[in-house]
N, C-alpha and C. Protein backbone atom coordinates (compact mmCIF):
# COMPACT_ATOMS: atom_id res chain seq x y z
N UNK A 1 138.56 52.71 162.68
CA UNK A 1 137.46 51.57 163.05
C UNK A 1 136.03 52.30 162.81
N UNK A 2 135.14 51.13 162.49
CA UNK A 2 133.74 51.80 162.10
C UNK A 2 133.16 52.18 163.36
N UNK A 3 132.28 53.11 163.70
CA UNK A 3 131.68 53.29 164.79
C UNK A 3 130.43 52.49 164.66
N UNK A 4 130.27 52.05 165.98
CA UNK A 4 129.12 51.16 166.28
C UNK A 4 127.51 51.70 166.42
N UNK A 5 127.56 53.08 166.87
CA UNK A 5 126.44 53.73 167.13
C UNK A 5 126.57 55.03 166.34
N UNK A 6 125.19 55.37 165.83
CA UNK A 6 125.16 56.79 165.03
C UNK A 6 124.84 57.90 165.90
N UNK A 7 125.09 58.88 166.05
CA UNK A 7 124.95 59.96 166.71
C UNK A 7 123.56 60.41 166.30
N UNK A 8 123.06 60.35 165.06
CA UNK A 8 121.57 60.62 165.15
C UNK A 8 120.65 59.71 166.00
N UNK A 9 121.18 58.63 166.34
CA UNK A 9 120.24 58.11 167.23
C UNK A 9 120.43 58.14 168.88
N UNK A 10 121.42 59.20 169.12
CA UNK A 10 121.47 59.58 170.25
C UNK A 10 120.08 60.69 170.86
N UNK A 11 119.34 60.16 172.16
CA UNK A 11 118.12 60.56 172.58
C UNK A 11 118.05 61.63 173.34
N UNK A 12 118.81 60.92 174.51
CA UNK A 12 118.91 61.56 175.55
C UNK A 12 120.11 61.47 176.72
N UNK A 13 120.82 62.24 177.56
CA UNK A 13 121.72 62.18 178.32
C UNK A 13 121.00 62.09 179.87
N UNK A 14 121.43 60.91 180.65
CA UNK A 14 120.83 60.53 181.96
C UNK A 14 121.85 60.85 183.24
N UNK A 15 121.05 61.65 183.84
CA UNK A 15 121.69 62.44 185.40
C UNK A 15 121.12 61.64 186.39
N UNK A 16 121.94 60.96 187.14
CA UNK A 16 121.63 60.31 188.57
C UNK A 16 121.71 61.39 189.55
N UNK A 17 120.41 61.90 190.24
CA UNK A 17 120.48 63.15 191.01
C UNK A 17 119.80 62.59 192.62
N UNK A 18 119.99 63.21 193.49
CA UNK A 18 119.54 62.82 194.78
C UNK A 18 118.03 63.55 195.18
N UNK A 19 118.36 64.96 194.35
CA UNK A 19 116.88 65.49 194.45
C UNK A 19 116.46 66.16 193.15
N UNK A 20 115.57 65.30 192.60
CA UNK A 20 114.92 65.53 191.45
C UNK A 20 114.37 66.85 191.12
N UNK A 21 113.74 67.21 192.33
CA UNK A 21 112.84 68.72 192.10
C UNK A 21 113.73 69.65 192.17
N UNK A 22 114.94 69.87 192.68
CA UNK A 22 115.74 70.79 192.68
C UNK A 22 116.41 70.82 191.29
N UNK A 23 116.77 69.62 190.64
CA UNK A 23 117.57 69.46 189.49
C UNK A 23 116.59 69.95 188.36
N UNK A 24 115.42 69.51 188.61
CA UNK A 24 114.31 70.14 187.55
C UNK A 24 114.30 71.78 187.71
N UNK A 25 114.12 72.17 188.62
CA UNK A 25 114.02 73.45 188.75
C UNK A 25 115.46 74.17 188.34
N UNK A 26 116.64 73.75 188.48
CA UNK A 26 117.92 74.32 188.21
C UNK A 26 117.87 74.18 186.42
N UNK A 27 117.50 73.01 185.87
CA UNK A 27 117.72 72.77 184.84
C UNK A 27 116.71 73.63 183.87
N UNK A 28 115.43 73.89 184.42
CA UNK A 28 114.43 74.75 183.83
C UNK A 28 115.02 76.00 183.72
N UNK A 29 115.53 76.81 184.94
CA UNK A 29 116.04 78.11 185.11
C UNK A 29 117.08 78.08 184.30
N UNK A 30 118.24 77.11 183.83
CA UNK A 30 119.18 77.48 183.13
C UNK A 30 118.86 77.55 181.48
N UNK A 31 118.12 76.33 181.21
CA UNK A 31 117.89 76.00 179.56
C UNK A 31 116.42 76.25 179.41
N UNK A 32 115.59 76.41 179.93
CA UNK A 32 114.08 76.94 179.89
C UNK A 32 113.21 76.01 179.25
N UNK A 33 113.91 74.43 179.95
CA UNK A 33 113.21 73.37 179.63
C UNK A 33 112.08 72.95 180.61
N UNK A 34 111.37 72.28 180.17
CA UNK A 34 109.89 71.73 180.93
C UNK A 34 110.05 70.21 181.08
N UNK A 35 109.36 69.72 182.05
CA UNK A 35 109.27 68.35 182.21
C UNK A 35 108.17 67.68 182.04
N UNK A 36 108.04 66.72 181.82
CA UNK A 36 106.99 65.80 181.64
C UNK A 36 106.78 65.01 183.06
N UNK A 37 105.66 64.36 183.05
CA UNK A 37 105.37 63.89 184.44
C UNK A 37 106.44 62.88 185.02
N UNK A 38 106.91 62.80 186.19
CA UNK A 38 107.77 61.78 186.63
C UNK A 38 107.05 60.26 186.66
N UNK A 39 108.02 59.50 186.21
CA UNK A 39 107.63 57.96 185.96
C UNK A 39 108.07 57.09 187.10
N UNK A 40 107.58 56.11 187.48
CA UNK A 40 108.22 55.30 188.22
C UNK A 40 107.46 53.70 187.67
N UNK A 41 108.86 52.51 187.83
CA UNK A 41 108.32 51.42 187.22
C UNK A 41 109.16 50.53 188.22
N UNK A 42 108.47 49.36 188.48
CA UNK A 42 109.31 48.31 189.20
C UNK A 42 109.63 47.21 188.12
N UNK A 43 110.66 46.68 188.00
CA UNK A 43 111.26 45.93 187.06
C UNK A 43 112.46 45.04 187.40
N UNK A 44 112.50 44.05 186.95
CA UNK A 44 113.74 42.98 187.15
C UNK A 44 114.85 43.63 186.24
N UNK A 45 116.02 43.40 187.01
CA UNK A 45 116.99 43.57 186.25
C UNK A 45 118.39 42.75 186.43
N UNK A 46 118.84 42.22 185.27
CA UNK A 46 120.10 41.80 185.54
C UNK A 46 121.32 42.49 185.78
N UNK A 47 122.25 42.38 186.71
CA UNK A 47 123.37 42.86 187.20
C UNK A 47 124.42 41.82 187.07
N UNK A 48 125.59 42.11 186.72
CA UNK A 48 126.75 41.26 187.01
C UNK A 48 126.93 40.43 188.24
N UNK A 49 126.46 40.89 189.44
CA UNK A 49 126.14 40.15 190.68
C UNK A 49 124.91 39.07 190.79
N UNK A 50 123.96 39.37 189.76
CA UNK A 50 122.69 38.60 189.69
C UNK A 50 121.54 39.42 189.42
N UNK A 51 120.10 38.66 189.55
CA UNK A 51 118.97 39.45 189.25
C UNK A 51 118.70 40.33 190.73
N UNK A 52 117.89 41.20 190.30
CA UNK A 52 117.25 42.20 191.53
C UNK A 52 116.05 42.76 190.77
N UNK A 53 114.98 43.02 191.69
CA UNK A 53 113.71 43.77 191.49
C UNK A 53 114.25 45.30 191.76
N UNK A 54 113.94 46.23 190.83
CA UNK A 54 114.35 47.56 191.38
C UNK A 54 113.03 48.36 190.85
N UNK A 55 113.27 49.21 191.81
CA UNK A 55 112.13 50.66 191.33
C UNK A 55 112.76 51.79 190.68
N UNK A 56 112.67 52.12 189.46
CA UNK A 56 113.07 53.33 188.99
C UNK A 56 112.28 54.47 188.80
N UNK A 57 112.61 55.76 189.43
CA UNK A 57 111.89 56.87 189.30
C UNK A 57 112.86 57.63 188.51
N UNK A 58 111.85 58.56 187.34
CA UNK A 58 112.67 59.33 186.63
C UNK A 58 111.87 60.48 186.02
N UNK A 59 112.37 61.29 185.29
CA UNK A 59 111.52 62.26 184.64
C UNK A 59 112.49 62.75 183.19
N UNK A 60 111.83 63.13 182.15
CA UNK A 60 112.47 63.53 181.00
C UNK A 60 111.90 64.79 180.58
N UNK A 61 112.83 65.78 180.02
CA UNK A 61 112.32 66.93 179.51
C UNK A 61 111.25 66.82 178.52
N UNK A 62 110.65 67.71 178.50
CA UNK A 62 109.35 67.66 177.49
C UNK A 62 109.89 67.79 175.97
N UNK A 63 110.84 68.60 175.96
CA UNK A 63 111.51 69.24 174.75
C UNK A 63 112.49 68.24 174.31
N UNK A 64 112.46 67.79 172.96
CA UNK A 64 113.56 66.91 172.24
C UNK A 64 113.93 67.57 170.97
N UNK A 65 114.62 66.79 170.11
CA UNK A 65 114.84 65.60 169.94
C UNK A 65 115.95 64.97 171.11
N UNK A 66 116.54 65.64 171.58
CA UNK A 66 117.73 65.55 172.71
C UNK A 66 117.26 65.70 174.06
N UNK A 67 116.81 64.94 175.07
CA UNK A 67 116.26 65.13 175.93
C UNK A 67 117.34 65.10 177.38
N UNK A 68 116.83 65.47 178.39
CA UNK A 68 117.58 65.04 179.51
C UNK A 68 116.51 64.19 180.47
N UNK A 69 117.32 63.27 180.87
CA UNK A 69 116.50 62.23 181.91
C UNK A 69 117.18 62.62 183.43
N UNK A 70 116.32 62.49 184.29
CA UNK A 70 116.64 62.83 185.83
C UNK A 70 116.17 61.27 186.29
N UNK A 71 117.33 60.81 187.15
CA UNK A 71 116.77 59.48 187.63
C UNK A 71 117.33 59.68 189.17
N UNK A 72 116.39 59.11 189.81
CA UNK A 72 116.61 59.04 191.37
C UNK A 72 117.59 57.73 191.48
N UNK A 73 118.55 57.93 192.57
CA UNK A 73 119.64 56.97 192.79
C UNK A 73 119.09 55.71 193.45
N UNK A 74 119.51 54.38 192.97
CA UNK A 74 119.42 53.30 193.69
C UNK A 74 120.60 52.76 194.52
N UNK A 75 120.70 52.50 195.60
CA UNK A 75 121.85 52.29 196.58
C UNK A 75 122.24 50.67 195.96
N UNK A 76 123.53 50.67 195.89
CA UNK A 76 124.11 49.38 195.52
C UNK A 76 124.07 48.91 194.13
N UNK A 77 123.78 49.95 193.22
CA UNK A 77 123.74 49.60 192.02
C UNK A 77 124.60 50.43 191.34
N UNK A 78 124.62 50.52 189.80
CA UNK A 78 125.03 51.38 188.84
C UNK A 78 124.23 52.71 188.56
N UNK A 79 123.02 52.79 189.38
CA UNK A 79 122.30 53.79 189.21
C UNK A 79 122.81 54.74 190.58
N UNK A 80 123.85 55.16 190.57
CA UNK A 80 124.23 55.96 191.79
C UNK A 80 124.78 57.23 191.40
N UNK A 81 124.59 58.47 192.35
CA UNK A 81 125.16 59.76 191.95
C UNK A 81 126.53 59.72 191.60
N UNK A 82 127.03 60.15 190.44
CA UNK A 82 128.51 60.00 190.24
C UNK A 82 129.33 61.19 190.44
N UNK A 83 128.61 62.15 190.93
CA UNK A 83 129.45 63.36 191.23
C UNK A 83 129.24 64.61 190.16
N UNK A 84 129.53 65.74 191.02
CA UNK A 84 129.02 67.05 190.36
C UNK A 84 129.56 67.05 188.82
N UNK A 85 128.66 67.46 188.04
CA UNK A 85 129.04 67.64 186.56
C UNK A 85 129.40 66.35 185.87
N UNK A 86 128.84 65.40 186.33
CA UNK A 86 128.99 64.22 185.63
C UNK A 86 127.80 63.53 185.20
N UNK A 87 127.76 63.23 183.71
CA UNK A 87 126.54 62.54 183.24
C UNK A 87 126.52 61.14 183.53
N UNK A 88 125.63 60.30 183.76
CA UNK A 88 125.37 59.17 184.34
C UNK A 88 125.47 58.20 183.08
N UNK A 89 124.75 58.33 181.91
CA UNK A 89 124.49 57.41 180.90
C UNK A 89 124.22 58.63 179.42
N UNK A 90 124.32 57.90 178.30
CA UNK A 90 123.87 58.59 177.25
C UNK A 90 122.91 57.48 176.67
N UNK A 91 121.89 57.60 175.97
CA UNK A 91 120.71 56.77 175.82
C UNK A 91 120.64 56.82 173.99
N UNK A 92 120.60 55.72 173.55
CA UNK A 92 120.55 55.47 172.13
C UNK A 92 119.29 54.53 171.59
N UNK A 93 118.49 55.26 170.58
CA UNK A 93 117.59 54.35 169.78
C UNK A 93 118.46 53.14 169.48
N UNK A 94 117.71 52.01 169.13
CA UNK A 94 118.50 50.92 168.76
C UNK A 94 117.49 49.95 168.13
N UNK A 95 117.72 49.64 166.75
CA UNK A 95 116.77 48.69 166.03
C UNK A 95 116.67 47.25 166.81
N UNK A 96 118.23 46.99 167.09
CA UNK A 96 118.61 45.46 167.47
C UNK A 96 118.99 45.40 168.53
N UNK A 97 118.63 45.68 169.62
CA UNK A 97 119.38 45.59 171.01
C UNK A 97 120.42 44.58 171.31
N UNK A 98 119.90 43.39 171.06
CA UNK A 98 120.92 42.14 171.31
C UNK A 98 121.78 42.09 170.58
N UNK A 99 121.86 42.39 169.33
CA UNK A 99 122.97 42.56 168.20
C UNK A 99 123.87 43.53 168.43
N UNK A 100 123.29 44.71 168.60
CA UNK A 100 124.24 45.82 169.25
C UNK A 100 125.11 45.89 170.58
N UNK A 101 124.23 45.13 171.26
CA UNK A 101 124.60 44.86 172.83
C UNK A 101 126.09 43.68 172.48
N UNK A 102 125.93 42.75 171.51
CA UNK A 102 127.07 41.84 171.44
C UNK A 102 128.00 42.39 170.65
N UNK A 103 127.70 43.52 169.88
CA UNK A 103 128.93 44.01 169.04
C UNK A 103 129.96 44.76 170.32
N UNK A 104 129.01 45.45 171.08
CA UNK A 104 129.58 46.37 172.08
C UNK A 104 130.80 45.46 173.15
N UNK A 105 129.92 44.61 173.40
CA UNK A 105 130.81 43.69 174.25
C UNK A 105 132.14 42.88 173.56
N UNK A 106 131.87 42.65 172.18
CA UNK A 106 132.96 42.15 171.37
C UNK A 106 133.91 43.16 171.21
N UNK A 107 133.46 44.53 171.12
CA UNK A 107 134.54 45.63 171.10
C UNK A 107 135.25 45.97 172.49
N UNK A 108 134.74 45.31 173.41
CA UNK A 108 135.54 45.60 174.86
C UNK A 108 134.63 46.59 175.65
N UNK A 109 133.35 46.73 175.23
CA UNK A 109 132.71 47.53 176.24
C UNK A 109 131.74 46.77 177.16
N UNK A 110 132.16 46.29 178.26
CA UNK A 110 131.26 45.29 179.00
C UNK A 110 129.88 45.62 179.37
N UNK A 111 128.80 44.52 179.31
CA UNK A 111 127.36 44.71 179.56
C UNK A 111 127.35 44.88 181.27
N UNK A 112 126.71 45.91 181.54
CA UNK A 112 126.54 46.29 182.86
C UNK A 112 125.23 46.01 183.38
N UNK A 113 124.12 46.07 182.73
CA UNK A 113 122.78 45.64 183.10
C UNK A 113 121.94 45.17 182.11
N UNK A 114 120.91 44.57 182.12
CA UNK A 114 119.96 44.25 181.14
C UNK A 114 118.56 44.46 181.98
N UNK A 115 117.64 45.62 181.46
CA UNK A 115 116.87 45.83 182.14
C UNK A 115 115.34 45.19 181.63
N UNK A 116 114.50 44.82 182.55
CA UNK A 116 113.04 44.05 182.02
C UNK A 116 113.30 42.51 181.81
N UNK A 117 114.37 41.77 182.15
CA UNK A 117 114.49 40.48 182.15
C UNK A 117 114.12 39.80 183.10
N UNK A 118 114.15 38.45 183.03
CA UNK A 118 113.86 37.38 184.30
C UNK A 118 115.09 36.60 184.20
N UNK A 119 116.00 36.32 183.52
CA UNK A 119 117.11 35.45 183.61
C UNK A 119 118.17 36.36 182.69
N UNK A 120 119.32 35.90 183.05
CA UNK A 120 120.70 36.53 182.47
C UNK A 120 120.62 36.18 181.20
N UNK A 121 120.01 34.96 180.55
CA UNK A 121 120.22 34.49 179.21
C UNK A 121 118.98 35.27 178.31
N UNK A 122 117.91 35.99 179.13
CA UNK A 122 117.16 36.58 178.23
C UNK A 122 117.27 37.62 177.58
N UNK A 123 117.10 37.92 176.23
CA UNK A 123 117.66 39.27 175.37
C UNK A 123 116.55 40.42 176.10
N UNK A 124 117.09 41.50 175.95
CA UNK A 124 116.30 42.67 176.72
C UNK A 124 116.13 43.73 175.71
N UNK A 125 115.12 44.61 176.16
CA UNK A 125 114.69 45.90 175.18
C UNK A 125 115.74 46.88 175.63
N UNK A 126 116.21 47.06 176.82
CA UNK A 126 117.04 47.93 177.41
C UNK A 126 118.43 47.47 177.74
N UNK A 127 119.32 47.75 177.64
CA UNK A 127 120.72 47.24 178.31
C UNK A 127 121.72 48.61 178.42
N UNK A 128 122.35 48.50 179.31
CA UNK A 128 123.76 49.29 179.48
C UNK A 128 125.07 48.77 179.58
N UNK A 129 126.06 49.41 178.98
CA UNK A 129 127.33 49.02 178.96
C UNK A 129 128.27 50.29 179.47
N UNK A 130 129.29 49.88 180.06
CA UNK A 130 130.28 50.84 180.95
C UNK A 130 131.23 50.97 179.96
N UNK A 131 131.60 52.03 179.41
CA UNK A 131 132.94 52.75 178.79
C UNK A 131 134.10 52.63 179.68
N UNK A 132 135.36 52.60 179.19
CA UNK A 132 136.49 52.74 179.76
C UNK A 132 136.28 53.90 180.52
N UNK A 133 135.75 55.03 180.25
CA UNK A 133 135.81 56.45 180.91
C UNK A 133 134.75 56.25 182.25
N UNK A 134 133.85 55.27 182.08
CA UNK A 134 133.06 55.11 183.21
C UNK A 134 131.67 55.68 182.83
N UNK A 135 131.52 56.30 181.78
CA UNK A 135 129.90 56.66 181.19
C UNK A 135 129.15 55.39 180.79
N UNK A 136 127.99 55.42 181.07
CA UNK A 136 127.30 54.30 180.56
C UNK A 136 126.52 54.55 179.07
N UNK A 137 126.62 53.65 178.46
CA UNK A 137 125.77 53.82 177.22
C UNK A 137 124.53 52.91 177.16
N UNK A 138 123.38 53.38 177.23
CA UNK A 138 122.30 52.68 177.32
C UNK A 138 121.34 52.25 176.02
N UNK A 139 121.50 51.47 175.38
CA UNK A 139 120.57 51.15 174.26
C UNK A 139 119.10 50.65 174.49
N UNK A 140 118.37 51.25 173.65
CA UNK A 140 116.87 51.09 174.09
C UNK A 140 115.99 51.05 172.66
N UNK A 141 115.28 50.02 172.94
CA UNK A 141 114.55 49.44 171.30
C UNK A 141 113.80 50.78 170.95
N UNK A 142 114.16 50.91 169.53
CA UNK A 142 113.39 51.85 168.85
C UNK A 142 111.93 51.55 169.04
N UNK A 143 111.55 50.56 169.19
CA UNK A 143 110.08 50.20 169.25
C UNK A 143 109.42 50.80 170.30
N UNK A 144 110.22 51.21 171.46
CA UNK A 144 109.69 51.87 172.37
C UNK A 144 109.58 53.57 172.20
N UNK A 145 110.04 54.01 171.37
CA UNK A 145 110.03 55.66 171.25
C UNK A 145 108.52 56.08 171.11
N UNK A 146 107.69 55.42 170.40
CA UNK A 146 106.07 56.05 170.31
C UNK A 146 105.46 56.04 171.39
N UNK A 147 105.73 54.82 172.19
CA UNK A 147 105.26 54.65 173.53
C UNK A 147 105.71 55.51 174.59
N UNK A 148 106.97 56.18 174.74
CA UNK A 148 107.70 56.67 175.64
C UNK A 148 107.26 58.49 175.46
N UNK A 149 107.51 58.89 173.94
CA UNK A 149 107.57 60.17 173.96
C UNK A 149 106.42 60.50 172.58
N UNK A 150 105.37 59.82 172.17
CA UNK A 150 104.40 59.82 171.45
C UNK A 150 104.86 59.99 169.94
N UNK A 151 104.11 60.35 169.25
CA UNK A 151 104.20 60.32 167.56
C UNK A 151 105.49 61.00 167.29
N UNK A 152 105.51 62.22 167.78
CA UNK A 152 106.81 63.09 167.43
C UNK A 152 108.06 62.77 168.13
N UNK A 153 107.90 61.72 168.94
CA UNK A 153 109.09 61.47 169.58
C UNK A 153 110.60 61.43 169.35
């Protein structure tokens, strides 16, 4: 079977943590990474049980090309702490998020969330699919790369 995703487009591993400051200190000490400023965004999200307004709080490592993302949990959503030693999601740059999302759904990897949409029918520039093993795959529009990480993103 032909792979849907290219390893070269993998740009981050997301970890949901209760204490972002403690996790930053731990990973900085362990790997020597530094952190960009924490971001916070309020955004509408489609989830299988309906639309929600959510506040995301996150931080990315300054170093790339593969980055770590720490995300604060949001109760009652897929953004919850998965347990010690578990990555929550892996993020891929994607030139055509709707087409890749449809291909993943057709392959049996169900859509779990659309971020930044006002309705379930709207195409999103960020979506998450859940693999059979429980790991989420986040597809992010390649157009966001420079906005998120600058020219050398």
